[in-house]
Amino acid sequence: MELCIQLCITMLGKQLIQNNLFEIGVPKLKKMLRQRKIDKKHQEELNKTLHRHEKDHFLGPFVGLNPEYMEMIIQFGMVTLFVASFPLAPLFALLNNVIEIRLDAKKFVTELRRPIAVRAKDIGIWYTLLRGISKVAVIVNAFVISFTSDFIPRLVYQHMYSADGTLHGFVNHTLSYFNVSHFQPGTEPMKPMHLGYKVEVCRYKDYRDPPWSATPYEFSREFWAILAARLAFVIVFQNVVMLMSDFVDWLIPDIPKDISIQIHKERNLVVELFMKEERGKKYRNTIGDPSPQPLCSHPSSQA
């Protein structure tokens, strides 16, 4: 519950409100400070005489896309790593991105200088970070589902300990026994008779041996069986999700089929053209150069 509240505050308060206010507020504040340093009459004259690309020089400098990428990486991590604890995180991320698209467009068009276009094959190291976070998110969500919920204990009880295959008696199965006489001095209840009778044994939620067993208050066999089932669920969940992701990658290729066919045809045409050029060179070398040779006269004959 605490993690859910923290994620709600982070996604709704910090990203949706604070970050978007800073996205548009900080550039406007810097622009106002720059305009105060310039005389108004001088600024009007500059606006009349300067071209658009010269006016853009007075805008804020473009610092790169690393802050934008970092913000998206953090958001992606919070959404994927803890979605099992806070299922509304994707909705808040969607609302934040819808608003931020327009704010970033206004910021890049009206508040910052035009960035220099650079050709890039992909998004670089950020793609590796996204793939790494997605793989870690599978493991984290598997542990969250198996260790913070009663999903696995219910399955274990239903298939191993239930007499009729139902969940009847599951709550009693999860409670252990404790003898109140085993309280350490100073930790016993202040009013042992507040229920009207003396309590000798109480119950608590855990899988431990009862006080009358040979190993009192040690982890019971049920605890180790449930722990093994939880770890097995983590392994199965991870492999199933990885197989599904690989299947989706194979099913939906990065390059469409028609474009890949065109690329293959272009490569074949380039190879054929190269082979024709090589055959033409070999043919000219075997028969000799047919181009006419220039006539060279002896200097003595001209004299």
Protein backbone atom coordinates (compact mmCIF):
# COMPACT_ATOMS: atom_id res chain seq x y z
CA MET A 1 0.00 0.00 0.00
CA GLU A 2 2.85 2.39 0.81
CA LEU A 3 4.47 1.68 -2.56
CA CYS A 4 1.14 2.34 -4.29
CA ILE A 5 0.80 5.73 -2.53
CA GLN A 6 4.39 6.69 -3.38
CA LEU A 7 3.91 5.79 -7.05
CA CYS A 8 0.64 7.73 -7.15
CA ILE A 9 2.35 10.83 -5.76
CA THR A 10 5.30 10.43 -8.15
CA MET A 11 3.26 9.79 -11.30
CA LEU A 12 0.47 12.29 -10.62
CA GLY A 13 2.27 15.01 -8.69
CA LYS A 14 5.85 15.02 -9.91
CA GLN A 15 5.61 13.93 -13.54
CA LEU A 16 2.14 15.13 -14.52
CA ILE A 17 2.23 18.50 -12.74
CA GLN A 18 5.72 19.48 -11.61
CA ASN A 19 7.69 18.34 -14.67
CA ASN A 20 5.22 19.87 -17.13
CA LEU A 21 5.25 23.18 -15.26
CA PHE A 22 9.03 23.24 -15.40
CA GLU A 23 8.97 22.24 -19.09
CA ILE A 24 7.17 25.45 -20.06
CA GLY A 25 7.89 27.70 -17.08
CA VAL A 26 11.68 27.63 -16.97
CA PRO A 27 12.22 28.49 -20.69
CA LYS A 28 9.69 31.35 -20.45
CA LEU A 29 11.41 32.71 -17.35
CA LYS A 30 14.81 32.63 -19.07
CA LYS A 31 13.33 34.36 -22.11
CA MET A 32 11.89 37.14 -19.94
CA LEU A 33 15.25 37.66 -18.24
CA ARG A 34 17.01 37.93 -21.60
CA GLN A 35 14.44 40.41 -22.91
CA ARG A 36 14.89 42.63 -19.85
CA LYS A 37 18.58 43.03 -20.64
CA ILE A 38 17.78 44.37 -24.13
CA ASP A 39 16.34 47.85 -24.68
CA LYS A 40 12.78 47.79 -26.04
CA LYS A 41 13.51 50.27 -28.86
CA HIS A 42 16.61 48.37 -29.83
CA GLN A 43 14.62 45.14 -29.78
CA GLU A 44 11.92 46.59 -32.06
CA GLU A 45 14.57 47.74 -34.53
CA LEU A 46 16.14 44.30 -34.48
CA ASN A 47 12.77 42.64 -35.10
CA LYS A 48 12.27 44.82 -38.19
CA THR A 49 15.73 44.33 -39.69
CA LEU A 50 16.71 40.80 -38.72
CA HIS A 51 15.68 37.64 -40.53
CA ARG A 52 13.97 34.74 -38.81
CA HIS A 53 17.12 32.67 -38.40
CA GLU A 54 18.87 35.71 -36.90
CA LYS A 55 16.05 36.28 -34.40
CA ASP A 56 16.31 32.66 -33.28
CA HIS A 57 19.81 33.42 -32.01
CA PHE A 58 18.25 35.33 -29.10
CA LEU A 59 16.28 32.24 -27.99
CA GLY A 60 17.52 29.77 -25.41
CA PRO A 61 20.28 27.34 -26.42
CA PHE A 62 19.38 23.78 -27.35
CA VAL A 63 21.05 21.52 -24.77
CA GLY A 64 20.29 18.21 -26.47
CA LEU A 65 17.77 15.41 -26.05
CA ASN A 66 19.39 13.67 -23.09
CA PRO A 67 17.02 15.26 -20.51
CA GLU A 68 14.00 14.24 -22.59
CA TYR A 69 15.28 10.68 -22.98
CA MET A 70 16.10 10.47 -19.27
CA GLU A 71 12.59 11.57 -18.31
CA MET A 72 11.04 8.92 -20.55
CA ILE A 73 13.39 6.22 -19.24
CA ILE A 74 12.46 7.02 -15.63
CA GLN A 75 8.77 6.99 -16.50
CA PHE A 76 9.09 3.69 -18.37
CA GLY A 77 10.92 2.17 -15.40
CA MET A 78 8.26 3.21 -12.89
CA VAL A 79 5.45 1.98 -15.13
CA THR A 80 6.95 -1.42 -15.93
CA LEU A 81 8.76 -2.25 -12.69
CA PHE A 82 5.87 -1.55 -10.31
CA VAL A 83 2.76 -1.95 -12.46
CA ALA A 84 1.64 -4.90 -10.32
CA SER A 85 1.61 -2.65 -7.24
CA PHE A 86 0.02 0.37 -8.94
CA PRO A 87 -2.09 -0.64 -11.98
CA LEU A 88 -3.07 2.99 -12.71
CA ALA A 89 0.54 3.96 -13.49
CA PRO A 90 0.15 3.38 -17.29
CA LEU A 91 -2.94 5.64 -17.33
CA PHE A 92 -1.11 8.48 -15.57
CA ALA A 93 1.88 7.99 -17.89
CA LEU A 94 -0.42 8.26 -20.92
CA LEU A 95 -1.99 11.49 -19.61
CA ASN A 96 1.45 12.92 -18.90
CA ASN A 97 2.74 12.07 -22.39
CA VAL A 98 -0.33 13.53 -24.14
CA ILE A 99 0.20 16.83 -22.33
CA GLU A 100 3.97 16.80 -22.68
CA ILE A 101 3.85 16.30 -26.46
CA ARG A 102 2.20 19.69 -26.91
CA LEU A 103 4.36 21.39 -24.29
CA ASP A 104 7.55 20.07 -25.89
CA ALA A 105 6.32 21.18 -29.32
CA LYS A 106 5.72 24.72 -28.03
CA LYS A 107 9.05 24.75 -26.22
CA PHE A 108 11.10 23.62 -29.23
CA VAL A 109 9.29 25.95 -31.65
CA THR A 110 9.01 29.18 -29.66
CA GLU A 111 11.47 29.02 -26.75
CA LEU A 112 14.63 27.26 -28.00
CA ARG A 113 17.00 27.65 -30.92
CA ARG A 114 16.65 25.29 -33.83
CA PRO A 115 18.75 22.17 -33.25
CA ILE A 116 21.28 21.11 -35.84
CA ALA A 117 20.02 18.07 -37.73
CA VAL A 118 22.26 15.02 -37.37
CA ARG A 119 21.69 11.67 -39.04
CA ALA A 120 21.32 8.78 -36.57
CA LYS A 121 20.68 5.10 -37.11
CA ASP A 122 18.60 4.67 -33.94
CA ILE A 123 18.26 6.11 -30.43
CA GLY A 124 21.61 4.65 -29.41
CA ILE A 125 22.31 3.51 -25.85
CA TRP A 126 18.77 4.41 -24.77
CA TYR A 127 17.42 1.38 -26.66
CA THR A 128 19.75 -0.89 -24.67
CA LEU A 129 18.54 0.71 -21.43
CA LEU A 130 14.91 0.14 -22.42
CA ARG A 131 15.54 -3.52 -23.19
CA GLY A 132 17.41 -3.96 -19.92
CA ILE A 133 14.62 -2.34 -17.90
CA SER A 134 11.99 -4.46 -19.64
CA LYS A 135 13.86 -7.67 -18.77
CA VAL A 136 14.34 -6.60 -15.14
CA ALA A 137 10.66 -5.59 -14.97
CA VAL A 138 9.59 -9.15 -15.79
CA ILE A 139 11.58 -10.52 -12.85
CA VAL A 140 10.45 -7.77 -10.45
CA ASN A 141 6.76 -8.24 -11.30
CA ALA A 142 7.11 -12.01 -10.95
CA PHE A 143 8.52 -11.59 -7.43
CA VAL A 144 5.85 -9.01 -6.55
CA ILE A 145 3.04 -11.31 -7.67
CA SER A 146 4.44 -14.40 -5.96
CA PHE A 147 5.70 -12.94 -2.66
CA THR A 148 3.28 -10.09 -1.89
CA SER A 149 -0.03 -11.80 -2.65
CA ASP A 150 -1.86 -14.98 -1.63
CA PHE A 151 -2.01 -16.24 -5.20
CA ILE A 152 0.63 -18.96 -4.74
CA PRO A 153 -0.41 -20.00 -1.18
CA ARG A 154 -4.00 -20.41 -2.37
CA LEU A 155 -2.92 -22.64 -5.25
CA VAL A 156 -0.68 -24.72 -2.99
CA TYR A 157 -3.43 -25.18 -0.41
CA GLN A 158 -6.05 -25.99 -3.04
CA HIS A 159 -3.95 -28.69 -4.75
CA MET A 160 -1.93 -30.12 -1.84
CA TYR A 161 -3.75 -29.65 1.47
CA SER A 162 -7.45 -29.15 0.73
CA ALA A 163 -9.60 -32.24 1.24
CA ASP A 164 -12.20 -31.30 -1.38
CA GLY A 165 -10.06 -29.17 -3.73
CA THR A 166 -11.59 -25.87 -2.57
CA LEU A 167 -10.32 -22.96 -0.47
CA HIS A 168 -12.44 -23.93 2.53
CA GLY A 169 -10.16 -23.72 5.59
CA PHE A 170 -7.45 -21.69 3.85
CA VAL A 171 -7.37 -18.92 6.47
CA ASN A 172 -6.99 -21.43 9.31
CA HIS A 173 -4.19 -23.10 7.34
CA THR A 174 -2.22 -19.83 7.17
CA LEU A 175 -2.36 -19.23 10.96
CA SER A 176 0.21 -20.61 13.38
CA TYR A 177 -0.05 -21.22 17.15
CA PHE A 178 1.70 -19.30 19.92
CA ASN A 179 1.66 -20.05 23.64
CA VAL A 180 1.19 -16.80 25.56
CA SER A 181 3.34 -18.13 28.39
CA HIS A 182 6.34 -17.91 26.03
CA PHE A 183 6.26 -14.11 25.93
CA GLN A 184 9.54 -12.56 27.00
CA PRO A 185 9.44 -10.59 30.27
CA GLY A 186 8.04 -7.14 29.64
CA THR A 187 6.32 -8.06 26.35
CA GLU A 188 3.29 -9.92 27.70
CA PRO A 189 -0.19 -8.33 27.42
CA MET A 190 -0.98 -5.67 30.02
CA LYS A 191 -4.51 -6.98 30.62
CA PRO A 192 -4.61 -10.75 30.02
CA MET A 193 -8.22 -10.99 31.24
CA HIS A 194 -9.72 -8.28 29.02
CA LEU A 195 -11.76 -10.93 27.16
CA GLY A 196 -13.26 -12.23 30.39
CA TYR A 197 -11.20 -15.42 30.40
CA LYS A 198 -7.54 -16.36 30.35
CA VAL A 199 -6.05 -16.78 26.88
CA GLU A 200 -3.47 -19.56 26.70
CA VAL A 201 -2.92 -19.89 22.92
CA CYS A 202 -3.22 -17.24 20.22
CA ARG A 203 -2.94 -17.41 16.43
CA TYR A 204 -0.81 -15.35 14.03
CA LYS A 205 -0.30 -15.39 10.28
CA ASP A 206 2.78 -17.42 9.45
CA TYR A 207 3.86 -20.95 8.56
CA ARG A 208 5.63 -22.18 11.71
CA ASP A 209 5.52 -25.30 13.87
CA PRO A 210 3.28 -25.17 16.97
CA PRO A 211 4.82 -24.82 20.47
CA TRP A 212 4.10 -28.48 21.34
CA SER A 213 6.13 -29.85 18.41
CA ALA A 214 9.75 -31.03 18.53
CA THR A 215 10.91 -27.81 16.82
CA PRO A 216 8.63 -25.07 18.17
CA TYR A 217 8.26 -21.88 16.16
CA GLU A 218 10.53 -23.10 13.36
CA PHE A 219 9.47 -22.84 9.72
CA SER A 220 7.09 -25.65 8.88
CA ARG A 221 7.04 -27.91 5.85
CA GLU A 222 4.19 -25.84 4.42
CA PHE A 223 6.45 -22.78 4.44
CA TRP A 224 9.15 -24.50 2.39
CA ALA A 225 6.58 -25.96 0.00
CA ILE A 226 5.07 -22.52 -0.62
CA LEU A 227 8.54 -20.96 -0.99
CA ALA A 228 9.49 -23.57 -3.60
CA ALA A 229 6.20 -22.93 -5.43
CA ARG A 230 6.85 -19.18 -5.41
CA LEU A 231 10.35 -19.56 -6.84
CA ALA A 232 9.04 -21.98 -9.46
CA PHE A 233 6.36 -19.45 -10.41
CA VAL A 234 9.04 -16.76 -10.85
CA ILE A 235 11.05 -19.00 -13.19
CA VAL A 236 8.01 -20.09 -15.22
CA PHE A 237 6.61 -16.56 -15.42
CA GLN A 238 9.94 -15.15 -16.61
CA ASN A 239 10.43 -17.77 -19.32
CA VAL A 240 6.85 -17.55 -20.57
CA VAL A 241 7.03 -13.76 -20.89
CA MET A 242 10.42 -13.93 -22.61
CA LEU A 243 9.12 -16.52 -25.09
CA MET A 244 6.06 -14.40 -25.79
CA SER A 245 8.21 -11.30 -26.39
CA ASP A 246 10.48 -13.24 -28.77
CA PHE A 247 7.42 -14.57 -30.60
CA VAL A 248 6.01 -11.05 -30.99
CA ASP A 249 9.41 -9.84 -32.27
CA TRP A 250 9.40 -12.62 -34.85
CA LEU A 251 5.74 -12.05 -35.76
CA ILE A 252 6.13 -8.27 -36.23
CA PRO A 253 9.47 -7.59 -37.98
CA ASP A 254 11.27 -4.27 -37.67
CA ILE A 255 11.23 -3.80 -41.46
CA PRO A 256 7.98 -4.47 -43.40
CA LYS A 257 8.09 -7.34 -45.85
CA ASP A 258 7.58 -5.24 -49.00
CA ILE A 259 10.40 -2.87 -48.03
CA SER A 260 12.75 -5.77 -47.26
CA ILE A 261 11.95 -7.25 -50.71
CA GLN A 262 12.78 -3.92 -52.37
CA ILE A 263 16.05 -3.69 -50.45
CA HIS A 264 16.93 -7.22 -51.55
CA LYS A 265 16.17 -6.35 -55.20
CA GLU A 266 18.33 -3.24 -55.01
CA ARG A 267 21.22 -5.27 -53.65
CA ASN A 268 20.84 -7.80 -56.47
CA LEU A 269 20.83 -5.00 -59.06
CA VAL A 270 23.98 -3.51 -57.56
CA VAL A 271 25.70 -6.91 -57.64
CA GLU A 272 24.65 -7.50 -61.28
CA LEU A 273 25.89 -4.04 -62.30
CA PHE A 274 29.20 -4.66 -60.56
CA MET A 275 29.59 -8.04 -62.31
CA LYS A 276 28.87 -6.47 -65.71
CA GLU A 277 31.53 -3.83 -65.11
CA GLU A 278 34.05 -6.49 -64.12
CA ARG A 279 33.26 -8.60 -67.21
CA GLY A 280 33.61 -5.51 -69.42
CA LYS A 281 37.04 -4.74 -67.94
CA LYS A 282 38.23 -8.31 -68.48
CA TYR A 283 36.99 -8.27 -72.10
CA ARG A 284 38.79 -5.01 -72.87
CA ASN A 285 41.99 -6.33 -71.33
CA THR A 286 41.93 -9.51 -73.45
CA ILE A 287 41.36 -7.85 -76.86
CA GLY A 288 43.45 -4.77 -76.16
CA ASP A 289 42.43 -1.14 -76.06
CA PRO A 290 40.62 -0.34 -79.37
CA SER A 291 40.98 3.41 -78.96
CA PRO A 292 43.26 5.01 -81.67
CA GLN A 293 46.81 5.97 -80.68
CA PRO A 294 47.96 9.56 -81.31
CA LEU A 295 50.51 10.07 -84.12
CA CYS A 296 53.86 11.28 -82.81
CA SER A 297 56.21 13.01 -85.36
CA HIS A 298 59.98 13.06 -84.96
CA PRO A 299 61.44 16.49 -84.23
CA SER A 300 64.05 16.14 -87.04
CA SER A 301 61.36 15.59 -89.68
CA GLN A 302 59.65 18.85 -88.72
CA ALA A 303 62.91 20.67 -89.17
